[in-house]
Each structure stands twice: as structure tokens, then as C-alpha cells.
Amino acid sequence: MVHVCDALSWQFSRACTSLPIPLARYVRYDPMKPLSECRLYAFVDTAYLHGRAPETIARDLCAGGADLIQLRAKSSPPEQVRRLAKILRPVTSVADVGLVVNDDPEIADEVGADFCHLGQEDFFGSGHTTVSELRGQTGTLRIGLSTHSSEQAEHAVFAGADYVAVGPVYATGTKPQARPVTLDYVRWAAAHVKIPWFAIGGINLQTVDDVLRAGAQRICVVSAILNADDVAAECRKFKERLK
């Protein structure tokens, strides 16, 4: 839910998405649901828009029951990512859905996103050793980290990550160069990772039950939802499996 701040109306806050100043200065957002209650993590990935408007995809994901939505725009310059994030932030906020910005903590903080998601190289390769160091630069922004092995998961938890992604469980076109970690890593995470974690990579309606039986309680789904003609309906199918 969005509150009016600094005498600005909700209508004006929507107009702020086109302004060059940080949207977060004008609009205060109520916290999303607790991360521990989030089960379905969906994406607005520019590689899978198929000509559709990103805000339309975001609304469909919200309507379909997504708890978190990540903006992933790997091939886009920072200004384009910033513009997209400012468009999506009001959409997710109205639906009480968490917004995650991939790769760029500064943009995530600027638009008032709930999380920034970083890869191993993006975080540890940039010289960070703890999430608190990064928070010192961005305020209270929460951080999710990708992990591909038990060692990486342990390092991510020790560094103070708010959640970790476990994968890719299966081969995936989203990251074709990545070697699948298989269900063995999912089983390990179920037994050892004590912070919220999401299984990711190649999860579709044919594989999701195996992932859940391996111990996952939360999943990320990218192409299996975004390639559907009816994004909201496909999203609901995954959400139903998570009940």
C-alpha cells in the first residue's frame, strides 16, 4: 500500500516515474509481507517480454499470486533499468508484492525496491565480504545472493544475505552456460540453510513437484511463466502447487 508523503498525491507519485529524481523521496511504501511467507518469486525479464509492456507483465504476475517480482534487464543500460524500476515500483506496491532489482543496489535503493539480487561475482567479486558493508552504502536495502554450491550458500549466509537462490536446479535457457546443481543441492539446502531460500532454474509444471519433494518451500520461475500466453493464469498454477 502507498501512503501520501510530502503533500504528494498517489497520482503525482505515479508521475514521478518519469522524473530524474529518486521516487523513494516522495512515496513511502508499506513493507511487503514477511520474506518467510513468500513462496513464489517471479520475474519481469526483458529477454522474455515478447513485445509486452513490463508493467502489464508485472500486473499479471501480481494477479497470479507472485510474492516477489524481480526486474531482470541484463542487456539494458543503467538508465533503462532505472526507468523500468520506477515503472514497476508502484505496480508491485499496490499489490503488496516485493520488488527486487537485479544487479544494481544503487538503483534498487533509489526507487525504494525491497531487495537487490546479486550474483556471486557481483557481490564477492566486487570486494564485499558482508551485506552490512553494502547496506552502509544503500541504507536499509535487503540483499539476495545467488548460490551454486553448499560452500557458496554457507558464505552467503555468513555474509548476512537476507535470502539465497539455490540453482540452477535444471538446465535453463535463462543461463545456458550454468551447470545444473541437481536436486542434491536442493536436498542439502533443505537440511542446512536456515534463512529463506528459493530453488531456481528450469523449474516448470513438470518439474516443480520433484523440487518440492526434495525439500524446497519457495521457488523462482522465469521462462515457464513468462512464455505463457496467459501469464496470470500460469502464475496461479505454480502458486497452487505451493499450497
C-alpha atoms as a PDB file:
ATOM      1  CA  MET A   1       0.000   0.000   0.000  1.00  0.00           C
ATOM      2  CA  VAL A   2       1.223   3.507  -0.807  1.00  0.00           C
ATOM      3  CA  HIS A   3       0.928   6.460   1.607  1.00  0.00           C
ATOM      4  CA  VAL A   4       0.898  10.105   0.513  1.00  0.00           C
ATOM      5  CA  CYS A   5       4.109  11.823   1.614  1.00  0.00           C
ATOM      6  CA  ASP A   6       5.319  15.400   1.367  1.00  0.00           C
ATOM      7  CA  ALA A   7       1.848  16.529   0.284  1.00  0.00           C
ATOM      8  CA  LEU A   8       2.037  14.486  -2.908  1.00  0.00           C
ATOM      9  CA  SER A   9      -0.948  12.542  -4.102  1.00  0.00           C
ATOM     10  CA  TRP A  10      -0.836   8.982  -5.384  1.00  0.00           C
ATOM     11  CA  GLN A  11      -1.497  10.307  -8.858  1.00  0.00           C
ATOM     12  CA  PHE A  12       1.533  12.532  -8.617  1.00  0.00           C
ATOM     13  CA  SER A  13       3.623   9.692  -7.281  1.00  0.00           C
ATOM     14  CA  ARG A  14       2.834   7.737 -10.421  1.00  0.00           C
ATOM     15  CA  ALA A  15       4.020  10.706 -12.460  1.00  0.00           C
ATOM     16  CA  CYS A  16       7.285  10.592 -10.512  1.00  0.00           C
ATOM     17  CA  THR A  17       8.333   7.551 -12.503  1.00  0.00           C
ATOM     18  CA  SER A  18       9.319   9.915 -15.309  1.00  0.00           C
ATOM     19  CA  LEU A  19      11.206  12.363 -13.125  1.00  0.00           C
ATOM     20  CA  PRO A  20      15.007  12.333 -12.874  1.00  0.00           C
ATOM     21  CA  ILE A  21      14.920  12.456  -9.037  1.00  0.00           C
ATOM     22  CA  PRO A  22      14.521   9.416  -6.796  1.00  0.00           C
ATOM     23  CA  LEU A  23      10.960   8.220  -6.474  1.00  0.00           C
ATOM     24  CA  ALA A  24      11.659   6.999  -2.949  1.00  0.00           C
ATOM     25  CA  ARG A  25      11.970  10.605  -1.763  1.00  0.00           C
ATOM     26  CA  TYR A  26       8.296  11.199  -2.481  1.00  0.00           C
ATOM     27  CA  VAL A  27       6.488   7.971  -1.760  1.00  0.00           C
ATOM     28  CA  ARG A  28       6.724   5.789   1.336  1.00  0.00           C
ATOM     29  CA  TYR A  29       5.803   2.155   0.851  1.00  0.00           C
ATOM     30  CA  ASP A  30       4.430  -0.153   3.490  1.00  0.00           C
ATOM     31  CA  PRO A  31       6.595  -3.234   3.989  1.00  0.00           C
ATOM     32  CA  MET A  32       5.760  -6.262   1.870  1.00  0.00           C
ATOM     33  CA  LYS A  33       4.713  -9.463   3.596  1.00  0.00           C
ATOM     34  CA  PRO A  34       7.457 -11.150   5.653  1.00  0.00           C
ATOM     35  CA  LEU A  35      10.016 -12.889   3.477  1.00  0.00           C
ATOM     36  CA  SER A  36       9.373 -16.103   5.396  1.00  0.00           C
ATOM     37  CA  GLU A  37       5.831 -16.092   3.962  1.00  0.00           C
ATOM     38  CA  CYS A  38       6.936 -15.559   0.350  1.00  0.00           C
ATOM     39  CA  ARG A  39       6.667 -18.702  -1.742  1.00  0.00           C
ATOM     40  CA  LEU A  40       6.535 -17.711  -5.425  1.00  0.00           C
ATOM     41  CA  TYR A  41       9.285 -15.498  -6.846  1.00  0.00           C
ATOM     42  CA  ALA A  42       8.551 -14.347 -10.386  1.00  0.00           C
ATOM     43  CA  PHE A  43      10.350 -12.133 -12.884  1.00  0.00           C
ATOM     44  CA  VAL A  44       9.909  -9.295 -15.303  1.00  0.00           C
ATOM     45  CA  ASP A  45      12.813 -10.316 -17.522  1.00  0.00           C
ATOM     46  CA  THR A  46      13.271  -8.105 -20.555  1.00  0.00           C
ATOM     47  CA  ALA A  47      14.514 -11.109 -22.544  1.00  0.00           C
ATOM     48  CA  TYR A  48      11.052 -12.662 -22.232  1.00  0.00           C
ATOM     49  CA  LEU A  49       8.726  -9.685 -22.723  1.00  0.00           C
ATOM     50  CA  HIS A  50       7.799 -10.783 -26.268  1.00  0.00           C
ATOM     51  CA  GLY A  51       6.611  -7.274 -27.109  1.00  0.00           C
ATOM     52  CA  ARG A  52       4.522  -6.899 -23.969  1.00  0.00           C
ATOM     53  CA  ALA A  53       4.794  -3.891 -21.673  1.00  0.00           C
ATOM     54  CA  PRO A  54       6.770  -4.643 -18.493  1.00  0.00           C
ATOM     55  CA  GLU A  55       4.100  -3.064 -16.297  1.00  0.00           C
ATOM     56  CA  THR A  56       1.473  -5.328 -17.874  1.00  0.00           C
ATOM     57  CA  ILE A  57       3.567  -8.379 -17.072  1.00  0.00           C
ATOM     58  CA  ALA A  58       4.057  -7.120 -13.517  1.00  0.00           C
ATOM     59  CA  ARG A  59       0.318  -6.645 -13.013  1.00  0.00           C
ATOM     60  CA  ASP A  60      -0.357 -10.131 -14.365  1.00  0.00           C
ATOM     61  CA  LEU A  61       2.244 -11.635 -12.023  1.00  0.00           C
ATOM     62  CA  CYS A  62       0.706  -9.819  -9.074  1.00  0.00           C
ATOM     63  CA  ALA A  63      -2.758 -11.002 -10.072  1.00  0.00           C
ATOM     64  CA  GLY A  64      -1.419 -14.548 -10.382  1.00  0.00           C
ATOM     65  CA  GLY A  65      -0.120 -14.654  -6.836  1.00  0.00           C
ATOM     66  CA  ALA A  66       3.576 -13.798  -7.090  1.00  0.00           C
ATOM     67  CA  ASP A  67       5.045 -12.785  -3.732  1.00  0.00           C
ATOM     68  CA  LEU A  68       8.230 -11.267  -5.157  1.00  0.00           C
ATOM     69  CA  ILE A  69       8.964  -9.891  -8.611  1.00  0.00           C
ATOM     70  CA  GLN A  70      12.482  -9.336  -9.862  1.00  0.00           C
ATOM     71  CA  LEU A  71      13.287  -6.841 -12.571  1.00  0.00           C
ATOM     72  CA  ARG A  72      15.963  -8.510 -14.662  1.00  0.00           C
ATOM     73  CA  ALA A  73      17.286  -6.490 -17.594  1.00  0.00           C
ATOM     74  CA  LYS A  74      20.710  -7.919 -18.308  1.00  0.00           C
ATOM     75  CA  SER A  75      21.260  -6.215 -21.651  1.00  0.00           C
ATOM     76  CA  SER A  76      19.881  -2.815 -20.649  1.00  0.00           C
ATOM     77  CA  PRO A  77      21.953   0.231 -19.655  1.00  0.00           C
ATOM     78  CA  PRO A  78      21.515   1.613 -16.121  1.00  0.00           C
ATOM     79  CA  GLU A  79      19.195   4.445 -17.191  1.00  0.00           C
ATOM     80  CA  GLN A  80      16.834   1.953 -18.808  1.00  0.00           C
ATOM     81  CA  VAL A  81      16.886  -0.248 -15.711  1.00  0.00           C
ATOM     82  CA  ARG A  82      16.157   2.804 -13.565  1.00  0.00           C
ATOM     83  CA  ARG A  83      13.231   3.783 -15.770  1.00  0.00           C
ATOM     84  CA  LEU A  84      11.771   0.280 -15.684  1.00  0.00           C
ATOM     85  CA  ALA A  85      12.197   0.022 -11.920  1.00  0.00           C
ATOM     86  CA  LYS A  86      10.344   3.298 -11.419  1.00  0.00           C
ATOM     87  CA  ILE A  87       7.507   1.998 -13.565  1.00  0.00           C
ATOM     88  CA  LEU A  88       7.263  -1.318 -11.696  1.00  0.00           C
ATOM     89  CA  ARG A  89       7.589   0.014  -8.139  1.00  0.00           C
ATOM     90  CA  PRO A  90       4.049   1.480  -7.907  1.00  0.00           C
ATOM     91  CA  VAL A  91       2.583  -1.661  -9.528  1.00  0.00           C
ATOM     92  CA  THR A  92       4.134  -4.041  -7.014  1.00  0.00           C
ATOM     93  CA  SER A  93       3.480  -1.766  -4.065  1.00  0.00           C
ATOM     94  CA  VAL A  94      -0.253  -1.516  -4.695  1.00  0.00           C
ATOM     95  CA  ALA A  95      -0.388  -5.328  -4.723  1.00  0.00           C
ATOM     96  CA  ASP A  96       1.812  -5.674  -1.583  1.00  0.00           C
ATOM     97  CA  VAL A  97       4.310  -7.627  -3.663  1.00  0.00           C
ATOM     98  CA  GLY A  98       8.035  -7.232  -3.079  1.00  0.00           C
ATOM     99  CA  LEU A  99      10.152  -5.686  -5.823  1.00  0.00           C
ATOM    100  CA  VAL A 100      13.667  -6.971  -6.449  1.00  0.00           C
ATOM    101  CA  VAL A 101      16.134  -5.192  -8.729  1.00  0.00           C
ATOM    102  CA  ASN A 102      18.795  -7.397 -10.242  1.00  0.00           C
ATOM    103  CA  ASP A 103      22.476  -6.424 -10.167  1.00  0.00           C
ATOM    104  CA  ASP A 104      22.267  -2.735  -9.170  1.00  0.00           C
ATOM    105  CA  PRO A 105      21.976  -1.826  -5.452  1.00  0.00           C
ATOM    106  CA  GLU A 106      22.078   1.899  -6.169  1.00  0.00           C
ATOM    107  CA  ILE A 107      19.053   1.772  -8.449  1.00  0.00           C
ATOM    108  CA  ALA A 108      17.232  -0.586  -6.090  1.00  0.00           C
ATOM    109  CA  ASP A 109      17.766   1.826  -3.214  1.00  0.00           C
ATOM    110  CA  GLU A 110      16.846   4.858  -5.297  1.00  0.00           C
ATOM    111  CA  VAL A 111      13.445   3.534  -6.349  1.00  0.00           C
ATOM    112  CA  GLY A 112      12.586   2.061  -2.950  1.00  0.00           C
ATOM    113  CA  ALA A 113      12.819  -1.587  -4.007  1.00  0.00           C
ATOM    114  CA  ASP A 114      12.559  -4.210  -1.277  1.00  0.00           C
ATOM    115  CA  PHE A 115      15.653  -6.142  -2.381  1.00  0.00           C
ATOM    116  CA  CYS A 116      18.598  -6.170  -4.716  1.00  0.00           C
ATOM    117  CA  HIS A 117      19.668  -9.547  -6.062  1.00  0.00           C
ATOM    118  CA  LEU A 118      23.351 -10.128  -6.783  1.00  0.00           C
ATOM    119  CA  GLY A 119      25.378 -12.959  -8.227  1.00  0.00           C
ATOM    120  CA  GLN A 120      28.452 -14.387  -6.578  1.00  0.00           C
ATOM    121  CA  GLU A 121      30.825 -12.339  -8.705  1.00  0.00           C
ATOM    122  CA  ASP A 122      28.703  -9.199  -8.378  1.00  0.00           C
ATOM    123  CA  PHE A 123      28.947  -9.377  -4.590  1.00  0.00           C
ATOM    124  CA  PHE A 124      32.107 -11.173  -3.521  1.00  0.00           C
ATOM    125  CA  GLY A 125      33.979 -10.296  -6.712  1.00  0.00           C
ATOM    126  CA  SER A 126      33.367  -6.608  -6.041  1.00  0.00           C
ATOM    127  CA  GLY A 127      35.231  -6.817  -2.771  1.00  0.00           C
ATOM    128  CA  HIS A 128      32.254  -7.106  -0.434  1.00  0.00           C
ATOM    129  CA  THR A 129      32.563  -9.550   2.449  1.00  0.00           C
ATOM    130  CA  THR A 130      29.371  -8.739   4.345  1.00  0.00           C
ATOM    131  CA  VAL A 131      25.961  -7.433   3.407  1.00  0.00           C
ATOM    132  CA  SER A 132      26.233  -4.825   6.162  1.00  0.00           C
ATOM    133  CA  GLU A 133      29.094  -3.199   4.211  1.00  0.00           C
ATOM    134  CA  LEU A 134      26.815  -2.825   1.218  1.00  0.00           C
ATOM    135  CA  ARG A 135      23.963  -1.585   3.388  1.00  0.00           C
ATOM    136  CA  GLY A 136      26.273   1.121   4.635  1.00  0.00           C
ATOM    137  CA  GLN A 137      26.195   2.472   1.092  1.00  0.00           C
ATOM    138  CA  THR A 138      22.498   1.964   0.410  1.00  0.00           C
ATOM    139  CA  GLY A 139      20.687   2.374   3.735  1.00  0.00           C
ATOM    140  CA  THR A 140      18.366  -0.482   4.665  1.00  0.00           C
ATOM    141  CA  LEU A 141      18.217  -2.296   1.319  1.00  0.00           C
ATOM    142  CA  ARG A 142      17.981  -6.071   1.700  1.00  0.00           C
ATOM    143  CA  ILE A 143      20.183  -8.362  -0.384  1.00  0.00           C
ATOM    144  CA  GLY A 144      19.635 -11.739  -2.020  1.00  0.00           C
ATOM    145  CA  LEU A 145      22.540 -13.762  -3.358  1.00  0.00           C
ATOM    146  CA  SER A 146      22.782 -16.492  -5.982  1.00  0.00           C
ATOM    147  CA  THR A 147      24.468 -19.708  -4.880  1.00  0.00           C
ATOM    148  CA  HIS A 148      25.501 -22.769  -6.866  1.00  0.00           C
ATOM    149  CA  SER A 149      27.059 -24.974  -4.196  1.00  0.00           C
ATOM    150  CA  SER A 150      26.933 -25.685  -0.497  1.00  0.00           C
ATOM    151  CA  GLU A 151      30.140 -23.690   0.024  1.00  0.00           C
ATOM    152  CA  GLN A 152      28.671 -20.656  -1.685  1.00  0.00           C
ATOM    153  CA  ALA A 153      25.496 -20.950   0.375  1.00  0.00           C
ATOM    154  CA  GLU A 154      27.486 -21.073   3.590  1.00  0.00           C
ATOM    155  CA  HIS A 155      29.480 -17.994   2.543  1.00  0.00           C
ATOM    156  CA  ALA A 156      26.310 -16.137   1.587  1.00  0.00           C
ATOM    157  CA  VAL A 157      24.634 -16.886   4.918  1.00  0.00           C
ATOM    158  CA  PHE A 158      27.782 -15.906   6.828  1.00  0.00           C
ATOM    159  CA  ALA A 159      27.935 -12.657   4.834  1.00  0.00           C
ATOM    160  CA  GLY A 160      24.445 -11.781   6.044  1.00  0.00           C
ATOM    161  CA  ALA A 161      22.331 -12.349   2.933  1.00  0.00           C
ATOM    162  CA  ASP A 162      18.615 -11.948   3.544  1.00  0.00           C
ATOM    163  CA  TYR A 163      17.852 -14.848   1.216  1.00  0.00           C
ATOM    164  CA  VAL A 164      19.713 -17.098  -1.187  1.00  0.00           C
ATOM    165  CA  ALA A 165      18.800 -18.590  -4.536  1.00  0.00           C
ATOM    166  CA  VAL A 166      19.691 -22.258  -4.940  1.00  0.00           C
ATOM    167  CA  GLY A 167      20.343 -23.338  -8.500  1.00  0.00           C
ATOM    168  CA  PRO A 168      20.126 -23.744 -11.341  1.00  0.00           C
ATOM    169  CA  VAL A 169      18.372 -26.962 -10.379  1.00  0.00           C
ATOM    170  CA  TYR A 170      17.926 -27.938 -14.024  1.00  0.00           C
ATOM    171  CA  ALA A 171      19.399 -26.717 -17.295  1.00  0.00           C
ATOM    172  CA  THR A 172      17.822 -23.406 -18.209  1.00  0.00           C
ATOM    173  CA  GLY A 173      17.798 -21.110 -21.197  1.00  0.00           C
ATOM    174  CA  THR A 174      17.953 -18.149 -18.845  1.00  0.00           C
ATOM    175  CA  LYS A 175      21.555 -19.097 -18.001  1.00  0.00           C
ATOM    176  CA  PRO A 176      22.552 -21.671 -20.638  1.00  0.00           C
ATOM    177  CA  GLN A 177      26.205 -21.703 -19.562  1.00  0.00           C
ATOM    178  CA  ALA A 178      25.422 -22.686 -15.975  1.00  0.00           C
ATOM    179  CA  ARG A 179      25.829 -26.305 -14.918  1.00  0.00           C
ATOM    180  CA  PRO A 180      22.734 -27.698 -13.160  1.00  0.00           C
ATOM    181  CA  VAL A 181      23.203 -28.255  -9.427  1.00  0.00           C
ATOM    182  CA  THR A 182      20.539 -31.022  -9.449  1.00  0.00           C
ATOM    183  CA  LEU A 183      18.117 -31.920  -6.702  1.00  0.00           C
ATOM    184  CA  ASP A 184      21.015 -32.961  -4.485  1.00  0.00           C
ATOM    185  CA  TYR A 185      21.784 -29.325  -3.746  1.00  0.00           C
ATOM    186  CA  VAL A 186      18.094 -28.665  -3.050  1.00  0.00           C
ATOM    187  CA  ARG A 187      18.126 -31.504  -0.520  1.00  0.00           C
ATOM    188  CA  TRP A 188      21.284 -30.108   1.066  1.00  0.00           C
ATOM    189  CA  ALA A 189      19.738 -26.639   1.317  1.00  0.00           C
ATOM    190  CA  ALA A 190      16.592 -28.055   2.901  1.00  0.00           C
ATOM    191  CA  ALA A 191      18.722 -29.655   5.623  1.00  0.00           C
ATOM    192  CA  HIS A 192      21.243 -26.866   6.224  1.00  0.00           C
ATOM    193  CA  VAL A 193      20.137 -23.390   5.093  1.00  0.00           C
ATOM    194  CA  LYS A 194      18.269 -21.634   7.890  1.00  0.00           C
ATOM    195  CA  ILE A 195      17.435 -18.376   6.126  1.00  0.00           C
ATOM    196  CA  PRO A 196      14.784 -18.136   3.377  1.00  0.00           C
ATOM    197  CA  TRP A 197      15.957 -19.746   0.147  1.00  0.00           C
ATOM    198  CA  PHE A 198      14.437 -20.209  -3.276  1.00  0.00           C
ATOM    199  CA  ALA A 199      15.066 -23.031  -5.717  1.00  0.00           C
ATOM    200  CA  ILE A 200      15.646 -21.670  -9.219  1.00  0.00           C
ATOM    201  CA  GLY A 201      16.491 -22.844 -12.709  1.00  0.00           C
ATOM    202  CA  GLY A 202      14.464 -24.849 -15.189  1.00  0.00           C
ATOM    203  CA  ILE A 203      11.504 -25.199 -12.844  1.00  0.00           C
ATOM    204  CA  ASN A 204       8.270 -25.772 -14.728  1.00  0.00           C
ATOM    205  CA  LEU A 205       4.957 -27.501 -14.092  1.00  0.00           C
ATOM    206  CA  GLN A 206       6.537 -30.867 -14.954  1.00  0.00           C
ATOM    207  CA  THR A 207       9.467 -30.498 -12.543  1.00  0.00           C
ATOM    208  CA  VAL A 208       8.083 -28.382  -9.693  1.00  0.00           C
ATOM    209  CA  ASP A 209       6.690 -31.311  -7.700  1.00  0.00           C
ATOM    210  CA  ASP A 210      10.095 -33.026  -7.678  1.00  0.00           C
ATOM    211  CA  VAL A 211      11.682 -29.808  -6.427  1.00  0.00           C
ATOM    212  CA  LEU A 212       9.141 -29.523  -3.642  1.00  0.00           C
ATOM    213  CA  ARG A 213       9.570 -33.175  -2.669  1.00  0.00           C
ATOM    214  CA  ALA A 214      13.312 -32.521  -2.409  1.00  0.00           C
ATOM    215  CA  GLY A 215      12.554 -30.016   0.341  1.00  0.00           C
ATOM    216  CA  ALA A 216      12.073 -26.647  -1.352  1.00  0.00           C
ATOM    217  CA  GLN A 217       9.329 -24.467   0.049  1.00  0.00           C
ATOM    218  CA  ARG A 218       9.981 -21.476  -2.195  1.00  0.00           C
ATOM    219  CA  ILE A 219      10.667 -21.350  -5.918  1.00  0.00           C
ATOM    220  CA  CYS A 220      11.713 -18.899  -8.608  1.00  0.00           C
ATOM    221  CA  VAL A 221      10.105 -19.296 -12.025  1.00  0.00           C
ATOM    222  CA  VAL A 222      11.145 -17.315 -15.078  1.00  0.00           C
ATOM    223  CA  SER A 223      10.507 -18.659 -18.577  1.00  0.00           C
ATOM    224  CA  ALA A 224       7.808 -21.182 -17.667  1.00  0.00           C
ATOM    225  CA  ILE A 225       5.583 -18.274 -16.649  1.00  0.00           C
ATOM    226  CA  LEU A 226       6.780 -15.539 -18.993  1.00  0.00           C
ATOM    227  CA  ASN A 227       6.495 -17.701 -22.110  1.00  0.00           C
ATOM    228  CA  ALA A 228       2.823 -18.426 -21.378  1.00  0.00           C
ATOM    229  CA  ASP A 229       0.093 -16.666 -23.325  1.00  0.00           C
ATOM    230  CA  ASP A 230      -1.769 -16.009 -20.072  1.00  0.00           C
ATOM    231  CA  VAL A 231       0.853 -15.001 -17.522  1.00  0.00           C
ATOM    232  CA  ALA A 232      -1.570 -14.583 -14.625  1.00  0.00           C
ATOM    233  CA  ALA A 233      -3.172 -17.983 -15.166  1.00  0.00           C
ATOM    234  CA  GLU A 234       0.204 -19.717 -15.438  1.00  0.00           C
ATOM    235  CA  CYS A 235       1.370 -17.975 -12.294  1.00  0.00           C
ATOM    236  CA  ARG A 236      -1.690 -19.249 -10.423  1.00  0.00           C
ATOM    237  CA  LYS A 237      -0.855 -22.826 -11.421  1.00  0.00           C
ATOM    238  CA  PHE A 238       2.524 -22.577  -9.724  1.00  0.00           C
ATOM    239  CA  LYS A 239       1.078 -20.828  -6.681  1.00  0.00           C
ATOM    240  CA  GLU A 240      -1.446 -23.647  -6.308  1.00  0.00           C
ATOM    241  CA  ARG A 241       1.365 -26.212  -6.200  1.00  0.00           C
ATOM    242  CA  LEU A 242       2.936 -24.287  -3.319  1.00  0.00           C
ATOM    243  CA  LYS A 243      -0.066 -24.502  -1.010  1.00  0.00           C
END
